[in-house]
Amino acid sequence: MNSELKEKLTKLAFNRSLPFCYNCYHECPTGHCESCGSDDLMRLVQGVGCEYGIEWIVQYILETELNPVNLEESFEELMRECYPETTKVGWMEFDTITLMKEQDPISWRSALAEHESNEESEGMIVSFDGGETYYSTDEVENLTSP
């Protein structure tokens, strides 16, 4: 699915950019520079810039049109649904999730990593930068749908 979404994002990036001859400094809608004949063209995004390749345009679209998934927040919400709001220890009451995070941060991070892995393997989230940033698969699909 990731490669299919990547292909759709690449197509979107091509549709939202123009071929641009940096040597002659003008747009080349035919894919060849009318002045110098070059087909070694950059891609131009109006108001953003121009550069070789398409990856930077895909990244720009993702960063400006989608919100990254906050996995820590979604994991905490999930845990709050699973466990009681407070935990009583002796005569004291503590917020259960805060207690879990503070008393065993290694276990908490391990469970968070497992949550991330499950969300990705179930196709709920997708990353295009090796897991540094995740986006909702549904939101990416909506963005790339005609």
Protein backbone atom coordinates (compact mmCIF):
# COMPACT_ATOMS: atom_id res chain seq x y z
CA MET A 1 0.00 0.00 0.00
CA ASN A 2 2.85 2.36 0.83
CA SER A 3 4.24 2.11 -2.72
CA GLU A 4 0.77 2.68 -4.17
CA LEU A 5 0.31 5.81 -2.05
CA LYS A 6 3.83 6.96 -2.93
CA GLU A 7 2.99 6.58 -6.62
CA LYS A 8 -0.20 8.62 -6.17
CA LEU A 9 1.72 11.32 -4.29
CA THR A 10 4.33 11.43 -7.06
CA LYS A 11 1.60 11.88 -9.65
CA LEU A 12 0.05 14.64 -7.54
CA ALA A 13 3.44 16.35 -7.25
CA PHE A 14 3.90 16.26 -11.03
CA ASN A 15 0.42 17.72 -11.52
CA ARG A 16 1.14 20.55 -9.09
CA SER A 17 4.50 21.49 -10.57
CA LEU A 18 5.87 22.61 -13.91
CA PRO A 19 9.01 21.69 -15.85
CA PHE A 20 11.45 24.57 -15.55
CA CYS A 21 14.70 25.33 -17.38
CA TYR A 22 17.02 26.88 -14.86
CA ASN A 23 19.59 27.84 -17.54
CA CYS A 24 17.07 29.93 -19.48
CA TYR A 25 14.96 30.61 -16.40
CA HIS A 26 11.51 29.93 -17.78
CA GLU A 27 8.75 27.34 -17.68
CA CYS A 28 8.81 24.54 -20.22
CA PRO A 29 5.31 23.02 -20.38
CA THR A 30 6.27 20.73 -23.29
CA GLY A 31 9.03 19.04 -21.30
CA HIS A 32 11.77 20.57 -23.45
CA CYS A 33 13.19 24.06 -23.27
CA GLU A 34 12.16 26.00 -26.36
CA SER A 35 15.25 28.24 -26.04
CA CYS A 36 18.10 25.77 -25.49
CA GLY A 37 16.41 22.44 -26.28
CA SER A 38 17.31 20.91 -22.92
CA ASP A 39 15.19 18.19 -21.39
CA ASP A 40 17.21 18.24 -18.16
CA LEU A 41 14.61 20.30 -16.35
CA MET A 42 13.85 21.13 -12.76
CA ARG A 43 10.35 21.12 -11.30
CA LEU A 44 8.80 24.46 -10.31
CA VAL A 45 6.17 24.97 -7.63
CA GLN A 46 4.84 28.51 -7.89
CA GLY A 47 5.57 30.53 -4.78
CA VAL A 48 7.76 27.78 -3.29
CA GLY A 49 10.76 27.27 -5.56
CA CYS A 50 12.33 24.95 -8.06
CA GLU A 51 14.68 22.00 -7.72
CA TYR A 52 15.56 18.78 -9.45
CA GLY A 53 13.52 15.74 -8.54
CA ILE A 54 10.03 15.28 -7.19
CA GLU A 55 10.66 14.13 -3.61
CA TRP A 56 10.88 17.68 -2.30
CA ILE A 57 7.45 18.44 -3.77
CA VAL A 58 5.93 15.33 -2.19
CA GLN A 59 7.45 16.36 1.14
CA TYR A 60 6.14 19.92 0.73
CA ILE A 61 2.60 18.64 -0.01
CA LEU A 62 2.65 16.33 3.02
CA GLU A 63 3.97 19.02 5.36
CA THR A 64 1.59 21.75 4.23
CA GLU A 65 -1.62 19.80 3.65
CA LEU A 66 -1.60 17.06 6.28
CA ASN A 67 -1.06 16.90 10.00
CA PRO A 68 1.33 14.22 11.21
CA VAL A 69 -0.18 11.60 13.50
CA ASN A 70 0.74 12.16 17.13
CA LEU A 71 1.39 8.56 18.13
CA GLU A 72 2.11 9.39 21.76
CA GLU A 73 -1.23 11.15 22.08
CA SER A 74 -3.19 8.39 20.35
CA PHE A 75 -1.46 5.72 22.44
CA GLU A 76 -2.21 7.61 25.65
CA GLU A 77 -5.87 7.96 24.64
CA LEU A 78 -6.02 4.23 23.93
CA MET A 79 -4.53 3.44 27.34
CA ARG A 80 -6.97 5.79 29.05
CA GLU A 81 -9.81 3.82 27.46
CA CYS A 82 -8.34 0.54 28.74
CA TYR A 83 -7.42 1.43 32.31
CA PRO A 84 -9.19 3.27 35.15
CA GLU A 85 -8.66 7.01 35.39
CA THR A 86 -7.00 6.78 38.79
CA THR A 87 -5.09 4.14 40.70
CA LYS A 88 -5.14 3.96 44.47
CA VAL A 89 -1.88 3.13 46.22
CA GLY A 90 -2.40 2.99 49.94
CA TRP A 91 -4.29 6.15 50.86
CA MET A 92 -3.13 8.06 47.72
CA GLU A 93 -4.75 8.29 44.28
CA PHE A 94 -2.73 8.82 41.11
CA ASP A 95 -3.53 9.38 37.48
CA THR A 96 -3.03 5.85 36.13
CA ILE A 97 -1.35 6.82 32.86
CA THR A 98 1.01 9.31 34.51
CA LEU A 99 1.87 6.66 37.07
CA MET A 100 2.64 4.12 34.33
CA LYS A 101 4.81 6.57 32.39
CA GLU A 102 6.77 7.75 35.42
CA GLN A 103 7.25 4.42 37.19
CA ASP A 104 8.38 2.42 34.18
CA PRO A 105 9.33 4.69 31.28
CA ILE A 106 11.13 1.87 29.45
CA SER A 107 8.02 -0.30 29.46
CA TRP A 108 5.91 2.69 28.37
CA ARG A 109 8.23 3.43 25.41
CA SER A 110 8.27 -0.25 24.48
CA ALA A 111 4.48 -0.40 24.46
CA LEU A 112 4.37 2.84 22.44
CA ALA A 113 6.75 1.33 19.87
CA GLU A 114 4.52 -1.75 19.65
CA HIS A 115 1.49 0.50 19.16
CA GLU A 116 3.30 2.30 16.33
CA SER A 117 4.24 -1.00 14.70
CA ASN A 118 0.67 -2.33 14.96
CA GLU A 119 -0.84 0.85 13.51
CA GLU A 120 1.58 0.71 10.59
CA SER A 121 1.14 -3.02 9.91
CA GLU A 122 -2.65 -2.63 10.00
CA GLY A 123 -2.39 0.16 7.42
CA MET A 124 -3.77 2.85 9.71
CA ILE A 125 -0.68 5.06 9.41
CA VAL A 126 1.98 5.46 6.74
CA SER A 127 5.44 7.00 6.64
CA PHE A 128 7.43 8.18 3.65
CA ASP A 129 10.61 9.06 5.56
CA GLY A 130 11.55 5.82 7.23
CA GLY A 131 9.30 6.20 10.26
CA GLU A 132 10.30 9.69 11.31
CA THR A 133 6.86 11.11 10.52
CA TYR A 134 3.58 9.23 10.20
CA TYR A 135 0.38 10.31 8.49
CA SER A 136 -3.10 8.84 8.61
CA THR A 137 -3.44 6.52 5.63
CA ASP A 138 -7.02 7.71 5.11
CA GLU A 139 -5.90 11.34 4.95
CA VAL A 140 -3.18 10.55 2.40
CA GLU A 141 -5.68 8.60 0.30
CA ASN A 142 -8.17 11.48 0.47
CA LEU A 143 -5.46 13.91 -0.59
CA THR A 144 -4.45 11.82 -3.60
CA SER A 145 -7.96 10.90 -4.74
CA PRO A 146 -9.35 12.81 -7.72
